């Protein structure tokens, strides 16, 4: 058997994922993550960058990371690995053209930002 080599393998793979039914794509079609990120930024403002440092990842990307992390019960370390390794996760969070993925400290810091401001979901309230 001869393995087919294609210059368009990445696009072909993404097309096939869409055809098969990527669960994350279905979720993205039903949740307005942009509006959710705006609400989070209002309730839990992004930290100021007066001291410099690396620019933070967009809130929408981080919200999507937390959604996947919860759905698949992943640790912060495993979440970083999966974002680097897994095509469907990369597509969902919108980092297909970016080499950087949030590291475990960045994920933890984002969750702490939500907790400190009371913006996290309360399981008691549904």
Protein backbone atom coordinates (compact mmCIF):
# COMPACT_ATOMS: atom_id res chain seq x y z
CA UNK A 1 0.00 0.00 0.00
CA UNK A 2 1.26 3.45 -0.87
CA UNK A 3 0.66 6.28 1.59
CA UNK A 4 -0.66 9.38 -0.18
CA UNK A 5 1.42 12.53 0.37
CA UNK A 6 -0.42 15.81 0.06
CA UNK A 7 0.59 19.44 0.28
CA UNK A 8 -2.90 20.09 1.58
CA UNK A 9 -2.94 17.41 4.28
CA UNK A 10 -3.78 19.86 7.07
CA UNK A 11 -6.82 21.26 5.26
CA UNK A 12 -7.92 17.77 4.20
CA UNK A 13 -7.70 16.59 7.80
CA UNK A 14 -9.76 19.54 9.04
CA UNK A 15 -12.37 18.95 6.34
CA UNK A 16 -12.62 15.32 7.37
CA UNK A 17 -13.01 16.31 11.04
CA UNK A 18 -15.88 18.60 10.05
CA UNK A 19 -17.51 15.83 8.02
CA UNK A 20 -17.19 13.25 10.81
CA UNK A 21 -18.61 15.66 13.36
CA UNK A 22 -16.08 17.34 15.63
CA UNK A 23 -17.75 17.70 19.06
CA UNK A 24 -15.96 20.95 19.82
CA UNK A 25 -17.23 22.50 16.56
CA UNK A 26 -20.78 21.59 17.55
CA UNK A 27 -20.27 23.19 20.97
CA UNK A 28 -18.85 26.36 19.40
CA UNK A 29 -21.91 26.60 17.16
CA UNK A 30 -24.20 26.79 20.23
CA UNK A 31 -22.20 28.97 22.62
CA UNK A 32 -21.33 32.62 22.00
CA UNK A 33 -17.82 32.50 23.44
CA UNK A 34 -17.10 36.09 22.37
CA UNK A 35 -20.02 37.39 24.44
CA UNK A 36 -19.09 35.11 27.33
CA UNK A 37 -15.51 36.43 27.27
CA UNK A 38 -16.80 40.02 27.29
CA UNK A 39 -18.94 39.25 30.36
CA UNK A 40 -15.94 37.69 32.10
CA UNK A 41 -13.74 40.68 31.30
CA UNK A 42 -16.40 42.91 32.83
CA UNK A 43 -16.83 40.78 35.97
CA UNK A 44 -13.14 39.89 36.30
CA UNK A 45 -11.10 42.60 34.57
CA UNK A 46 -7.84 41.57 32.97
CA UNK A 47 -4.79 42.48 35.05
CA UNK A 48 -2.94 45.63 34.09
CA UNK A 49 0.37 45.26 32.34
CA UNK A 50 2.16 48.15 34.04
CA UNK A 51 5.03 45.89 35.04
CA UNK A 52 5.48 44.58 31.50
CA UNK A 53 5.76 40.90 30.75
CA UNK A 54 4.24 38.70 28.10
CA UNK A 55 0.83 39.84 26.82
CA UNK A 56 -1.98 37.70 28.22
CA UNK A 57 -3.85 35.27 26.03
CA UNK A 58 -7.27 36.55 24.91
CA UNK A 59 -10.04 35.87 27.40
CA UNK A 60 -12.10 34.01 24.78
CA UNK A 61 -9.23 31.58 24.16
CA UNK A 62 -8.81 31.00 27.91
CA UNK A 63 -12.55 30.42 28.38
CA UNK A 64 -12.46 27.83 25.62
CA UNK A 65 -9.44 26.20 27.31
CA UNK A 66 -11.36 25.93 30.59
CA UNK A 67 -14.40 24.46 28.83
CA UNK A 68 -12.30 21.71 27.23
CA UNK A 69 -10.39 21.16 30.45
CA UNK A 70 -13.64 20.58 32.34
CA UNK A 71 -15.24 18.45 29.61
CA UNK A 72 -12.26 16.09 29.46
CA UNK A 73 -11.24 16.37 33.14
CA UNK A 74 -7.68 17.43 32.33
CA UNK A 75 -5.04 18.79 34.68
CA UNK A 76 -3.41 22.10 33.79
CA UNK A 77 -0.30 20.22 32.64
CA UNK A 78 -2.30 17.78 30.53
CA UNK A 79 -4.31 20.67 29.07
CA UNK A 80 -1.13 22.29 27.76
CA UNK A 81 0.00 18.98 26.26
CA UNK A 82 -3.35 18.40 24.56
CA UNK A 83 -3.38 21.94 23.13
CA UNK A 84 0.02 21.29 21.58
CA UNK A 85 -0.86 17.80 20.38
CA UNK A 86 -4.53 17.59 19.48
CA UNK A 87 -5.89 19.14 16.29
CA UNK A 88 -9.51 19.34 17.44
CA UNK A 89 -8.51 21.20 20.64
CA UNK A 90 -6.31 23.60 18.66
CA UNK A 91 -9.18 24.38 16.31
CA UNK A 92 -11.64 24.91 19.15
CA UNK A 93 -9.50 27.40 21.06
CA UNK A 94 -8.42 29.17 17.88
CA UNK A 95 -4.70 28.55 18.00
CA UNK A 96 -4.18 26.80 14.64
CA UNK A 97 -1.89 29.56 13.33
CA UNK A 98 -0.13 30.22 16.64
CA UNK A 99 2.71 28.18 18.09
CA UNK A 100 2.04 29.22 21.67
CA UNK A 101 -0.35 27.45 23.98
CA UNK A 102 -1.19 28.55 27.51
CA UNK A 103 1.14 26.84 29.96
CA UNK A 104 -0.09 25.33 33.25
CA UNK A 105 0.74 28.50 35.21
CA UNK A 106 -1.23 30.66 32.76
CA UNK A 107 -4.24 28.34 33.00
CA UNK A 108 -4.05 28.30 36.81
CA UNK A 109 -3.69 32.12 36.94
CA UNK A 110 -6.75 32.59 34.74
CA UNK A 111 -8.81 30.30 36.98
CA UNK A 112 -7.59 32.22 40.05
CA UNK A 113 -8.64 35.50 38.41
CA UNK A 114 -12.16 34.12 38.05
CA UNK A 115 -12.26 32.76 41.59
CA UNK A 116 -10.89 35.94 43.22
CA UNK A 117 -13.55 38.11 41.57
CA UNK A 118 -16.37 35.64 42.12
CA UNK A 119 -16.85 35.21 38.37
CA UNK A 120 -16.60 31.42 38.40
CA UNK A 121 -19.69 29.28 37.94
CA UNK A 122 -21.44 28.27 41.15
CA UNK A 123 -22.40 24.59 40.93
CA UNK A 124 -25.06 25.14 43.60
CA UNK A 125 -26.93 27.54 41.31
CA UNK A 126 -26.87 25.25 38.27
